[in-house]
C-alpha atoms as a PDB file:
ATOM      1  CA  MET A   1       3.741 -10.594  -1.013  1.00  0.00           C
ATOM      2  CA  ASN A   2       1.669  -9.780   2.094  1.00  0.00           C
ATOM      3  CA  VAL A   3       0.260  -6.392   1.759  1.00  0.00           C
ATOM      4  CA  LEU A   4      -1.325  -4.778   5.161  1.00  0.00           C
ATOM      5  CA  TYR A   5      -3.610  -1.684   5.418  1.00  0.00           C
ATOM      6  CA  PHE A   6      -4.153   0.650   8.451  1.00  0.00           C
ATOM      7  CA  ALA A   7      -6.475   3.045   9.753  1.00  0.00           C
ATOM      8  CA  TRP A   8      -8.597   4.640   6.923  1.00  0.00           C
ATOM      9  CA  VAL A   9      -6.961   2.650   4.461  1.00  0.00           C
ATOM     10  CA  ARG A  10      -8.194  -0.645   5.969  1.00  0.00           C
ATOM     11  CA  GLU A  11     -11.677   1.003   6.460  1.00  0.00           C
ATOM     12  CA  ARG A  12     -11.992   1.960   2.627  1.00  0.00           C
ATOM     13  CA  ILE A  13     -10.610  -1.356   1.229  1.00  0.00           C
ATOM     14  CA  GLY A  14     -12.441  -3.679   3.847  1.00  0.00           C
ATOM     15  CA  VAL A  15      -9.696  -5.977   5.141  1.00  0.00           C
ATOM     16  CA  PRO A  16      -6.778  -5.585   7.180  1.00  0.00           C
ATOM     17  CA  ARG A  17      -4.222  -7.592   5.090  1.00  0.00           C
ATOM     18  CA  GLU A  18      -4.024  -9.869   1.864  1.00  0.00           C
ATOM     19  CA  ASP A  19      -1.508 -11.992   0.029  1.00  0.00           C
ATOM     20  CA  VAL A  20      -1.150 -10.416  -3.323  1.00  0.00           C
ATOM     21  CA  GLU A  21       0.516 -12.008  -6.422  1.00  0.00           C
ATOM     22  CA  THR A  22       2.137  -9.206  -8.419  1.00  0.00           C
ATOM     23  CA  SER A  23       4.532  -8.295 -11.183  1.00  0.00           C
ATOM     24  CA  ALA A  24       4.919  -4.754  -9.809  1.00  0.00           C
ATOM     25  CA  GLU A  25       8.615  -3.535  -9.973  1.00  0.00           C
ATOM     26  CA  THR A  26       7.856  -0.601  -7.541  1.00  0.00           C
ATOM     27  CA  VAL A  27       5.562   0.269  -4.836  1.00  0.00           C
ATOM     28  CA  ARG A  28       3.904   2.846  -7.351  1.00  0.00           C
ATOM     29  CA  ASP A  29       3.385   0.024  -9.698  1.00  0.00           C
ATOM     30  CA  LEU A  30       1.698  -2.183  -6.998  1.00  0.00           C
ATOM     31  CA  VAL A  31      -0.486   0.831  -6.183  1.00  0.00           C
ATOM     32  CA  ALA A  32      -1.455   1.161  -9.882  1.00  0.00           C
ATOM     33  CA  GLU A  33      -2.581  -2.579  -9.911  1.00  0.00           C
ATOM     34  CA  LEU A  34      -4.465  -2.437  -6.824  1.00  0.00           C
ATOM     35  CA  ALA A  35      -6.205   0.430  -7.427  1.00  0.00           C
ATOM     36  CA  GLY A  36      -7.302  -0.969 -10.834  1.00  0.00           C
ATOM     37  CA  ARG A  37      -8.753  -3.933  -9.263  1.00  0.00           C
ATOM     38  CA  GLU A  38     -12.101  -2.122  -8.070  1.00  0.00           C
ATOM     39  CA  GLU A  39     -13.412   1.124  -6.906  1.00  0.00           C
ATOM     40  CA  ARG A  40     -12.752   0.394  -3.060  1.00  0.00           C
ATOM     41  CA  TYR A  41      -8.957   0.273  -3.827  1.00  0.00           C
ATOM     42  CA  ALA A  42      -9.057   3.313  -6.333  1.00  0.00           C
ATOM     43  CA  LEU A  43     -10.744   5.427  -3.594  1.00  0.00           C
ATOM     44  CA  ALA A  44      -7.955   4.416  -1.041  1.00  0.00           C
ATOM     45  CA  PHE A  45      -5.135   5.004  -3.279  1.00  0.00           C
ATOM     46  CA  SER A  46      -6.589   7.988  -5.015  1.00  0.00           C
ATOM     47  CA  ASP A  47      -4.403  10.565  -3.170  1.00  0.00           C
ATOM     48  CA  LEU A  48      -0.983   9.016  -2.621  1.00  0.00           C
ATOM     49  CA  ASP A  49       0.033  12.424  -0.745  1.00  0.00           C
ATOM     50  CA  ALA A  50      -2.169  11.496   2.006  1.00  0.00           C
ATOM     51  CA  LEU A  51      -0.469   7.730   2.289  1.00  0.00           C
ATOM     52  CA  ARG A  52       2.898   6.543   3.757  1.00  0.00           C
ATOM     53  CA  VAL A  53       4.340   3.145   2.701  1.00  0.00           C
ATOM     54  CA  ALA A  54       6.691   0.742   4.681  1.00  0.00           C
ATOM     55  CA  VAL A  55       8.618  -2.009   2.730  1.00  0.00           C
ATOM     56  CA  ASP A  56       9.812  -4.941   4.885  1.00  0.00           C
ATOM     57  CA  GLN A  57       8.738  -2.604   8.203  1.00  0.00           C
ATOM     58  CA  GLU A  58      11.014   0.448   6.942  1.00  0.00           C
ATOM     59  CA  LEU A  59       9.812   3.632   5.876  1.00  0.00           C
ATOM     60  CA  ALA A  60      10.101   3.903   2.051  1.00  0.00           C
ATOM     61  CA  ASP A  61       8.847   6.042  -0.891  1.00  0.00           C
ATOM     62  CA  PHE A  62       6.389   4.880  -3.972  1.00  0.00           C
ATOM     63  CA  ASP A  63       9.286   4.482  -6.249  1.00  0.00           C
ATOM     64  CA  ALA A  64      10.939   1.775  -4.071  1.00  0.00           C
ATOM     65  CA  PRO A  65      11.634  -1.390  -5.733  1.00  0.00           C
ATOM     66  CA  LEU A  66       9.847  -4.622  -4.921  1.00  0.00           C
ATOM     67  CA  VAL A  67      12.626  -7.282  -5.443  1.00  0.00           C
ATOM     68  CA  GLY A  68      12.793  -9.819  -2.962  1.00  0.00           C
ATOM     69  CA  VAL A  69      10.057  -7.848  -0.678  1.00  0.00           C
ATOM     70  CA  ARG A  70       7.738  -9.729   1.681  1.00  0.00           C
ATOM     71  CA  GLU A  71       5.727  -7.305   2.942  1.00  0.00           C
ATOM     72  CA  VAL A  72       4.386  -3.667   1.914  1.00  0.00           C
ATOM     73  CA  ALA A  73       1.971  -1.757   4.485  1.00  0.00           C
ATOM     74  CA  PHE A  74       0.143   1.309   3.642  1.00  0.00           C
ATOM     75  CA  PHE A  75      -0.894   3.926   6.365  1.00  0.00           C
ATOM     76  CA  PRO A  76      -1.966   7.629   6.629  1.00  0.00           C
ATOM     77  CA  PRO A  77       0.893  10.097   7.947  1.00  0.00           C
ATOM     78  CA  MET A  78       1.312   9.649  11.805  1.00  0.00           C
ATOM     79  CA  THR A  79       1.584  12.549  14.247  1.00  0.00           C
ATOM     80  CA  GLY A  80       3.484  12.747  17.566  1.00  0.00           C
ATOM     81  CA  GLY A  81       1.735  13.754  20.673  1.00  0.00           C
END
């Protein structure tokens, strides 16, 4: 699965994207796996209220299933201007 990171999430993790092999069933499970990798991931995912997620380029919630998903993106909330 292709995992994308944007804005301060990318800055904390240190890469804009990566291919991830996972057994996670939901986005929340994927976050738990990633946060358990090392401190930079734990820091990036420490406050899920400060994050948004897109699954295959559609906004989703953290309980969204990952079956058949090819891409998950994490980013901070966006504001209009």
